[in-house]
Every structure is written in C-alpha cells, then in structure tokens.
Protein backbone atom coordinates (compact mmCIF):
# COMPACT_ATOMS: atom_id res chain seq x y z
CA MET A 1 -15.40 27.42 17.75
CA LYS A 2 -14.12 23.47 17.82
CA TYR A 3 -17.50 22.47 17.94
CA THR A 4 -18.74 25.15 15.15
CA ALA A 5 -16.03 23.81 12.53
CA LEU A 6 -16.99 19.95 13.60
CA LEU A 7 -21.12 21.39 12.67
CA THR A 8 -19.88 22.57 9.81
CA LEU A 9 -18.40 19.63 8.59
CA LEU A 10 -21.68 17.27 9.54
CA ALA A 11 -23.03 19.05 7.60
CA VAL A 12 -21.62 19.01 4.70
CA SER A 13 -20.47 15.43 5.10
CA THR A 14 -24.55 14.49 5.25
CA ALA A 15 -24.98 16.68 2.57
CA CYS A 16 -23.03 14.92 0.57
CA THR A 17 -24.18 11.56 0.79
CA LYS A 18 -27.68 11.04 0.54
CA ASP A 19 -28.15 7.31 -1.08
CA GLU A 20 -28.69 7.18 -3.92
CA PRO A 21 -31.69 5.81 -5.88
CA LYS A 22 -32.14 1.68 -5.37
CA PRO A 23 -32.75 0.05 -9.20
CA GLN A 24 -36.34 -1.20 -8.70
CA GLN A 25 -37.75 -4.88 -9.99
CA GLY A 26 -39.15 -3.54 -12.95
CA ASP A 27 -35.70 -2.01 -14.02
CA VAL A 28 -34.48 -5.24 -14.77
CA PRO A 29 -33.44 -5.43 -18.30
CA THR A 30 -34.88 -8.36 -19.88
CA ASP A 31 -33.00 -10.86 -21.88
CA THR A 32 -33.79 -12.03 -24.91
CA GLY A 33 -31.50 -15.34 -24.36
CA SER A 34 -32.62 -18.99 -24.15
CA GLU A 35 -33.80 -20.52 -20.71
CA GLU A 36 -33.11 -24.17 -19.31
CA ASP A 37 -34.52 -25.30 -16.71
CA THR A 38 -31.86 -23.77 -13.60
CA GLY A 39 -33.91 -20.74 -14.48
CA GLY A 40 -30.14 -19.33 -16.24
CA ILE A 41 -29.91 -17.72 -19.53
CA ILE A 42 -27.17 -19.57 -21.19
CA ASP A 43 -27.21 -17.94 -25.13
CA CYS A 44 -25.91 -14.74 -24.01
CA ASP A 45 -22.45 -12.02 -24.34
CA ALA A 46 -21.62 -11.33 -20.48
CA THR A 47 -18.38 -10.32 -19.14
CA LEU A 48 -17.70 -11.01 -16.07
CA SER A 49 -15.63 -8.51 -13.30
CA SER A 50 -15.08 -9.89 -9.65
CA THR A 51 -14.29 -8.56 -5.63
CA PRO A 52 -11.50 -9.77 -5.64
CA SER A 53 -10.74 -8.57 -8.83
CA ILE A 54 -10.32 -10.95 -11.44
CA GLU A 55 -7.41 -9.88 -12.57
CA LEU A 56 -4.81 -9.62 -10.00
CA PRO A 57 -4.33 -12.50 -7.59
CA THR A 58 -5.59 -11.20 -3.86
CA SER A 59 -3.93 -12.48 -0.41
CA SER A 60 -5.80 -10.69 2.29
CA TRP A 61 -10.09 -12.16 1.54
CA PHE A 62 -11.68 -11.95 4.96
CA PHE A 63 -12.72 -15.29 5.32
CA ARG A 64 -16.70 -14.76 5.95
CA ASP A 65 -17.13 -12.15 2.30
CA ALA A 66 -18.60 -13.23 0.45
CA VAL A 67 -16.64 -13.03 -3.53
CA GLU A 68 -19.20 -11.07 -5.65
CA LEU A 69 -18.69 -12.30 -9.26
CA GLN A 70 -20.76 -9.35 -11.36
CA PHE A 71 -21.97 -10.14 -14.91
CA ASP A 72 -23.06 -7.11 -17.50
CA GLU A 73 -26.69 -8.92 -17.93
CA VAL A 74 -28.60 -10.39 -15.89
CA ASN A 75 -29.86 -14.09 -14.95
CA ILE A 76 -26.85 -16.06 -16.47
CA ALA A 77 -26.63 -19.93 -16.33
CA LEU A 78 -23.78 -20.22 -13.93
CA ASP A 79 -21.85 -23.52 -12.77
CA LEU A 80 -18.59 -23.21 -9.86
CA THR A 81 -15.72 -25.06 -9.51
CA LEU A 82 -13.69 -24.75 -6.40
CA THR A 83 -10.23 -25.85 -5.19
CA ASP A 84 -7.85 -24.83 -2.54
CA SER A 85 -4.29 -24.63 -2.25
CA SER A 86 -3.40 -28.68 -2.33
CA GLY A 87 -5.97 -29.05 -5.54
CA ALA A 88 -9.39 -30.83 -3.44
CA ASP A 89 -12.34 -29.61 -4.40
CA VAL A 90 -14.35 -27.61 -1.82
CA PRO A 91 -18.20 -27.51 -2.16
CA VAL A 92 -19.45 -24.33 -2.96
CA GLY A 93 -21.94 -22.13 -3.89
CA PHE A 94 -23.99 -18.95 -4.49
CA GLU A 95 -26.93 -16.78 -4.18
CA TRP A 96 -27.93 -13.99 -6.57
CA ASN A 97 -28.86 -10.36 -5.96
CA GLU A 98 -32.08 -8.78 -6.15
CA SER A 99 -31.78 -8.09 -9.79
CA ARG A 100 -30.14 -11.17 -10.65
CA GLU A 101 -26.52 -9.65 -11.43
CA ILE A 102 -24.38 -9.84 -8.72
CA ALA A 103 -23.91 -13.52 -7.73
CA ASN A 104 -21.91 -13.76 -3.89
CA VAL A 105 -20.26 -16.73 -3.72
CA LEU A 106 -19.27 -18.71 -0.26
CA PRO A 107 -18.52 -22.39 0.27
CA ASP A 108 -21.12 -24.35 1.04
CA SER A 109 -19.65 -24.41 4.85
CA GLY A 110 -20.16 -21.33 4.81
CA ALA A 111 -16.82 -19.24 5.14
CA TRP A 112 -13.46 -19.41 3.69
CA MET A 113 -10.76 -21.29 5.39
CA GLY A 114 -7.98 -18.61 7.35
CA ASP A 115 -4.69 -18.54 5.43
CA GLU A 116 -5.68 -20.68 2.20
CA ASP A 117 -5.46 -19.87 -1.22
CA TYR A 118 -8.46 -20.67 -4.05
CA THR A 119 -8.95 -21.23 -7.13
CA LEU A 120 -13.23 -20.52 -8.53
CA ILE A 121 -13.85 -21.61 -12.21
CA ALA A 122 -16.90 -19.81 -13.36
CA ASP A 123 -18.97 -21.60 -16.14
CA PHE A 124 -21.43 -19.13 -18.11
CA CYS A 125 -22.47 -17.97 -21.65
CA GLY A 126 -19.99 -20.99 -23.15
CA LYS A 127 -17.34 -18.96 -21.54
CA THR A 128 -14.70 -19.77 -18.30
CA GLU A 129 -12.83 -17.37 -15.99
CA THR A 130 -10.76 -17.73 -13.31
CA LEU A 131 -10.40 -16.24 -10.21
CA THR A 132 -7.54 -17.08 -7.72
CA PHE A 133 -7.37 -15.81 -4.37
CA GLY A 134 -6.01 -15.51 -0.94
CA THR A 135 -7.45 -15.32 2.83
CA SER A 136 -5.74 -13.25 5.69
CA GLU A 137 -5.14 -15.11 8.80
CA TYR A 138 -8.20 -14.38 10.01
CA GLY A 139 -10.39 -17.92 10.01
CA LEU A 140 -8.16 -19.80 11.23
CA PRO A 141 -8.05 -22.04 14.25
CA LEU A 142 -7.32 -20.83 18.34
CA GLU A 143 -4.13 -22.20 18.62
CA ASN A 144 -5.49 -22.77 22.55
CA SER A 145 -8.55 -23.94 24.09
CA ALA A 146 -11.02 -21.12 24.76
CA ASP A 147 -9.72 -20.69 28.56
CA SER A 148 -6.80 -18.89 26.87
CA LEU A 149 -9.07 -16.08 26.40
CA VAL A 150 -9.96 -15.25 30.09
CA GLY A 151 -8.59 -12.37 31.33
CA LYS A 152 -7.12 -10.89 27.78
CA THR A 153 -8.43 -7.49 26.97
CA TYR A 154 -8.85 -5.55 23.73
CA ASN A 155 -9.14 -1.39 22.61
CA ILE A 156 -12.08 -1.22 20.88
CA ASP A 157 -10.92 1.64 19.51
CA LEU A 158 -13.86 4.25 18.97
CA ALA A 159 -11.42 7.31 17.09
CA SER A 160 -10.08 5.20 14.05
CA ALA A 161 -13.33 3.50 13.37
CA GLU A 162 -15.24 3.68 10.13
CA TYR A 163 -18.55 4.70 10.50
CA SER A 164 -21.03 3.38 8.00
CA HIS A 165 -24.48 4.97 9.75
CA PRO A 166 -25.49 7.88 9.74
CA PRO A 167 -23.84 9.36 6.95
CA GLY A 168 -20.85 12.03 8.81
CA ILE A 169 -21.19 10.90 11.83
CA GLY A 170 -17.49 9.99 11.85
CA THR A 171 -16.17 13.21 11.19
CA LEU A 172 -17.91 14.67 14.43
CA LEU A 173 -17.05 11.32 16.26
CA SER A 174 -13.19 10.44 15.32
CA GLN A 175 -11.92 14.06 16.21
CA ASN A 176 -14.08 14.36 20.55
CA ILE A 177 -13.87 10.24 21.18
CA ASP A 178 -10.61 10.34 23.07
CA GLN A 179 -11.35 7.25 25.37
CA PRO A 180 -10.82 3.89 24.59
CA LEU A 181 -13.41 1.20 24.78
CA LEU A 182 -11.33 -1.76 26.38
CA PHE A 183 -13.05 -5.42 25.94
CA GLY A 184 -12.22 -8.22 28.18
CA ILE A 185 -12.95 -11.75 28.53
CA GLU A 186 -14.84 -12.78 31.56
CA SER A 187 -15.20 -16.59 31.09
CA ALA A 188 -15.33 -18.56 28.11
CA SER A 189 -15.97 -22.65 26.75
CA VAL A 190 -16.33 -23.87 23.29
CA ASP A 191 -18.92 -22.68 21.96
CA SER A 192 -19.71 -19.16 24.50
CA LEU A 193 -17.52 -16.39 25.76
CA ASP A 194 -18.78 -13.64 28.55
CA PHE A 195 -17.52 -10.22 27.78
CA ILE A 196 -16.89 -7.14 30.35
CA ALA A 197 -16.32 -3.93 28.98
CA ALA A 198 -14.73 -0.60 30.50
CA LEU A 199 -13.79 2.74 29.40
CA GLY A 200 -10.40 3.85 29.63
CA ALA A 201 -7.38 6.62 29.64
CA TYR A 202 -4.05 6.39 27.88
CA THR A 203 -0.92 7.35 29.98
CA ASN A 204 2.08 9.35 29.82
CA THR A 205 3.79 5.81 29.16
CA GLY A 206 2.04 5.19 26.38
CA GLY A 207 -0.40 1.75 28.18
CA ILE A 208 -3.86 1.58 28.81
CA ASP A 209 -5.32 2.14 32.47
CA GLN A 210 -9.29 1.07 33.73
CA THR A 211 -11.55 4.46 34.85
CA THR A 212 -14.45 3.24 34.63
CA GLY A 213 -16.72 0.21 36.11
CA LEU A 214 -18.27 -2.75 33.89
CA TRP A 215 -20.95 -3.19 31.54
CA TYR A 216 -21.18 -6.99 31.22
CA PHE A 217 -22.17 -8.80 27.49
CA PRO A 218 -22.91 -12.11 28.83
CA GLY A 219 -23.41 -15.38 26.28
CA ALA A 220 -22.02 -14.47 23.55
CA ASP A 221 -22.36 -16.58 20.57
CA PHE A 222 -18.73 -18.62 20.03
CA THR A 223 -20.11 -21.03 18.20
CA THR A 224 -18.19 -20.52 14.86
CA SER A 225 -14.77 -19.63 16.87
CA PRO A 226 -12.74 -18.21 16.61
CA TYR A 227 -15.46 -15.32 15.11
CA PHE A 228 -17.88 -13.83 18.01
CA ASP A 229 -21.01 -12.32 18.46
CA ALA A 230 -21.70 -9.90 21.65
CA TYR A 231 -24.41 -7.85 22.83
CA ALA A 232 -25.32 -5.38 25.73
CA GLU A 233 -28.30 -3.55 26.50
CA THR A 234 -26.71 -0.54 27.14
CA LEU A 235 -23.22 1.13 27.21
CA GLU A 236 -21.77 4.55 27.68
CA ILE A 237 -18.83 6.29 25.38
CA GLN A 238 -17.89 9.57 25.92
CA TYR A 239 -17.62 12.24 23.40
CA GLY A 240 -15.38 15.51 25.43
CA SER A 241 -16.91 15.75 28.46
CA ILE A 242 -20.50 14.09 27.52
CA ASP A 243 -21.52 10.98 28.31
CA ILE A 244 -22.86 9.71 25.03
CA PRO A 245 -25.36 6.46 26.33
CA ILE A 246 -25.45 3.72 23.52
CA PHE A 247 -28.39 1.30 23.75
CA ASP A 248 -28.76 -2.39 22.44
CA PHE A 249 -25.27 -2.19 21.56
CA GLN A 250 -23.41 -5.31 19.81
CA ILE A 251 -20.22 -6.05 18.35
CA SER A 252 -18.73 -8.66 16.15
CA GLY A 253 -15.15 -9.54 14.79
CA THR A 254 -12.96 -12.24 15.24
CA PHE A 255 -9.94 -13.07 16.80
CA SER A 256 -6.67 -14.20 15.64
CA ALA A 257 -4.83 -18.00 16.21
CA ASP A 258 -2.73 -16.55 18.75
CA THR A 259 -5.17 -14.76 20.37
CA GLN A 260 -3.63 -11.10 19.89
CA LYS A 261 -5.96 -9.22 18.11
CA ILE A 262 -9.06 -9.42 16.93
CA GLY A 263 -9.99 -8.36 12.70
CA MET A 264 -12.89 -6.75 10.72
CA ALA A 265 -14.31 -5.92 14.68
CA HIS A 266 -18.17 -4.20 13.47
CA PHE A 267 -19.89 -2.78 16.13
CA GLU A 268 -24.02 -0.80 16.29
CA GLY A 269 -25.99 0.66 18.75
CA LEU A 270 -28.89 3.07 19.38
CA GLY A 271 -26.78 6.40 20.34
CA ASP A 272 -28.80 9.20 22.25
CA THR A 273 -28.11 12.47 20.44
CA ARG A 274 -29.00 14.90 23.07
CA GLY A 275 -25.88 15.41 24.75
CA ILE A 276 -24.25 16.12 21.89
CA ALA A 277 -27.06 18.16 20.40
CA VAL A 278 -27.45 20.71 23.19
CA GLU A 279 -23.34 20.47 23.36
CA LEU A 280 -23.47 22.13 19.76
CA THR A 281 -27.09 23.68 18.91
CA GLN A 282 -28.39 24.32 22.57
CA ASP A 283 -31.30 22.15 21.24
CA GLU A 284 -32.26 18.71 22.15
CA ASN A 285 -33.56 17.85 18.47
CA GLY A 286 -30.72 19.82 17.20
CA LEU A 287 -28.86 16.61 15.47
CA CYS A 288 -31.69 14.39 14.95
CA THR A 289 -32.66 17.99 12.78
CA LEU A 290 -29.27 18.25 10.66
CA LEU A 291 -29.26 13.93 10.62
CA ALA A 292 -32.73 13.79 8.42
CA ALA A 293 -30.81 16.11 6.28
CA SER A 294 -29.27 12.89 4.82
CA GLY A 295 -32.11 10.59 5.22
CA SER A 296 -31.64 9.27 8.85
CA GLU A 297 -34.56 9.18 10.94
CA CYS A 298 -34.11 9.23 14.51
CA VAL A 299 -35.99 6.93 16.82
CA PRO A 300 -37.61 6.62 20.10
CA CYS A 301 -34.25 5.48 22.68
CA PRO A 302 -35.62 2.38 24.34
CA ASN A 303 -36.28 4.21 27.73
CA ALA A 304 -38.03 7.04 26.24
CA THR A 305 -41.77 7.38 28.36
CA GLY A 306 -43.10 9.57 24.88
CA ASP A 307 -43.14 10.13 21.91
CA GLU A 308 -39.48 11.78 21.49
CA ALA A 309 -37.37 10.69 19.17
CA TYR A 310 -33.82 11.50 19.75
CA CYS A 311 -31.54 8.03 19.02
CA VAL A 312 -30.02 7.46 15.92
CA PHE A 313 -28.60 4.15 14.97
CA LEU A 314 -24.80 3.74 15.10
CA ALA A 315 -22.14 1.47 13.08
CA GLY A 316 -19.29 1.06 12.39
CA ASP A 317 -16.14 -1.29 12.10
CA ILE A 318 -12.62 -1.25 13.01
CA GLU A 319 -9.90 -3.11 10.50
CA GLU A 320 -7.85 -4.58 13.19
CA VAL A 321 -8.22 -4.64 17.58
CA LEU A 322 -4.97 -4.98 19.20
CA MET A 323 -5.04 -6.68 22.64
CA VAL A 324 -3.63 -4.10 25.92
CA PRO A 325 -0.92 -5.84 27.23
CA ASN A 326 -1.28 -6.84 31.19
CA LEU A 327 -4.72 -5.26 32.11
CA THR A 328 -7.77 -7.14 33.11
CA LEU A 329 -10.67 -5.73 33.91
CA GLU A 330 -11.84 -5.60 37.20
CA GLU A 331 -15.04 -4.39 38.87
CA MET A 332 -14.19 -0.91 40.76
C-alpha cells in the first residue's frame, strides 16, 4: 500500500509540472527607442524589479548567486555602480539573458564577499534605482588552513533535499531514503580536496554511525575556496531495501568559515531506476514510462550493454549540511 500511494503521488506531481514553453528569439518584443553604440536603448520607459527585492533589503544573499535585474522592456542601456559597506567602489558587470530583459549581475571577481553589505545603483532610461542587500556568512575565508578539514565528516541528508529534477521524484525519494550519505575529507591542500563517502545509520542516541565501505572523490576543485566541486564515477544510495546506483555523481558546496557546515550543497548524477521500478510497478521500465509523462526521458546508463534506457538525471539542493561530531570515515 505504501508504494502504491507513493506511485500515485508521483503521477500527480509529474502531471502538474510540465515545462512551460520558453520564449523564442522571434518572440522578443521590438522597442522603438533610439539606440546608442553600446547596443542598449536609452529612450525608454522601462521599470525595474529585482531579486533580491529592490523594495526590501536582503541580508542573506548567497555569495555565488547573481543578482537579477528584470526590466519590462528589452535591450535597454544599463550602467551599474557597486559599493561595499565601507563605501569603496567594487568593479561590477552583468550579462543579459537570451531575450535581454534580465541582467544577471556579479562583481568582476565572479562572486560577492561573504557577510558583506552592498549598494547597487542602476542607471537606465534616464532614471536611477538603488538596491541595497547583504550576503550571508558563506563566502568568508576559512578561519584555519585547508588541513583543518581533514577527518571531518558531513551528513548529506538526501531525504531533506529539494529535488529539481526530474519533476515529482522528490516526493518518492524523501519518504523512503532513511540513510544519511556521509561525506568526509581524506586530504586537503590550498587548491584540491580528496573526499570520501559512505552510507550511515542513525543511532538511538541521535548520533550517526558509518555502515558501509568507502567511495572516493579524489582531486576535488578547491581553487575558489571555501567553495568546492567534487566528482565520483559511481556510488549507491538506498531506497528502503533497494540499492540505487548513481553514476557520474557530482556534488558542490561552500564550507562555513569555521568548517562546521556546508552551505547551498548541490548534487546531481544519473540514477538507475530499475530497482525502484520493479518494486513499484513490477516492470523495469515502469518508472521511466511514468517520468516520460513530464518530459523527463530516461537515457542509457553508463554501464549499459545495449540500447536500454533506464537511467534518469537526478539533481537536488540542500540549503545547509551539518558536520557530524566525532565521526571520521574509514575503510571497513
């Protein structure tokens, strides 16, 4: 009965999440204003909205996220000025989206500073708008050297993740993945980390024990510390009693300055659906058939010997990942 209910939930969710058609180049409205050599229209009546909100100051902006300036006209001439909390000018730039009504703004360095307040002034159409916002703690440099990460272990709680792909899979996974994915650091340098991972189990006292051997994520990019980007060819997670192979698994995130947590962790990979499909539908292709209703096509798994397509792209985000106290991963 439990699996039948979950299958129904997934079917309803996928049926309600079909992608809206994206505007094509020919759908972009034409502005009749005059145009300078900069390529932007200066004679216009555009208004501006933004993320974070231009009306309400925001103090928790993630340091790697671009600020979005959205206009109700396209291809306008835009000039930006950015200052930090000390009043110092910060070099800043932007890129238009394809239809040129959203400017994605980042400092020239590629990221905001952590725990910093900014004032962004946008000049356009003969008017000026001011956006004041602040960033969260993530992005601050580590308080100690990269070596301080060695031996630490973090709980990648896949059950609490917000799954962005495929549509509807989050309901199915979050109710049945009850094992933490443990993520540890085996060695570290200023520009590279060697990660290891294992599955764990929650103890009666609220702790976590390691329950499996290790998967290895060598040579993770740490050149933009405290942000990292790690990769492994394969690992397995458990859905109830079913092992789910995940191929080309990639995970990224940002360590807090005190290394006690990881912010905005993003993971993705190709999940083999066959085990779940047999459990739910008695058909190896059953889950792929269901997911196809939302436009999520299964593809051949990397270990496929024929043309059978049983793997689906999985992606999700965890806002905050906590360190597991007194736990260092080791080979079993």
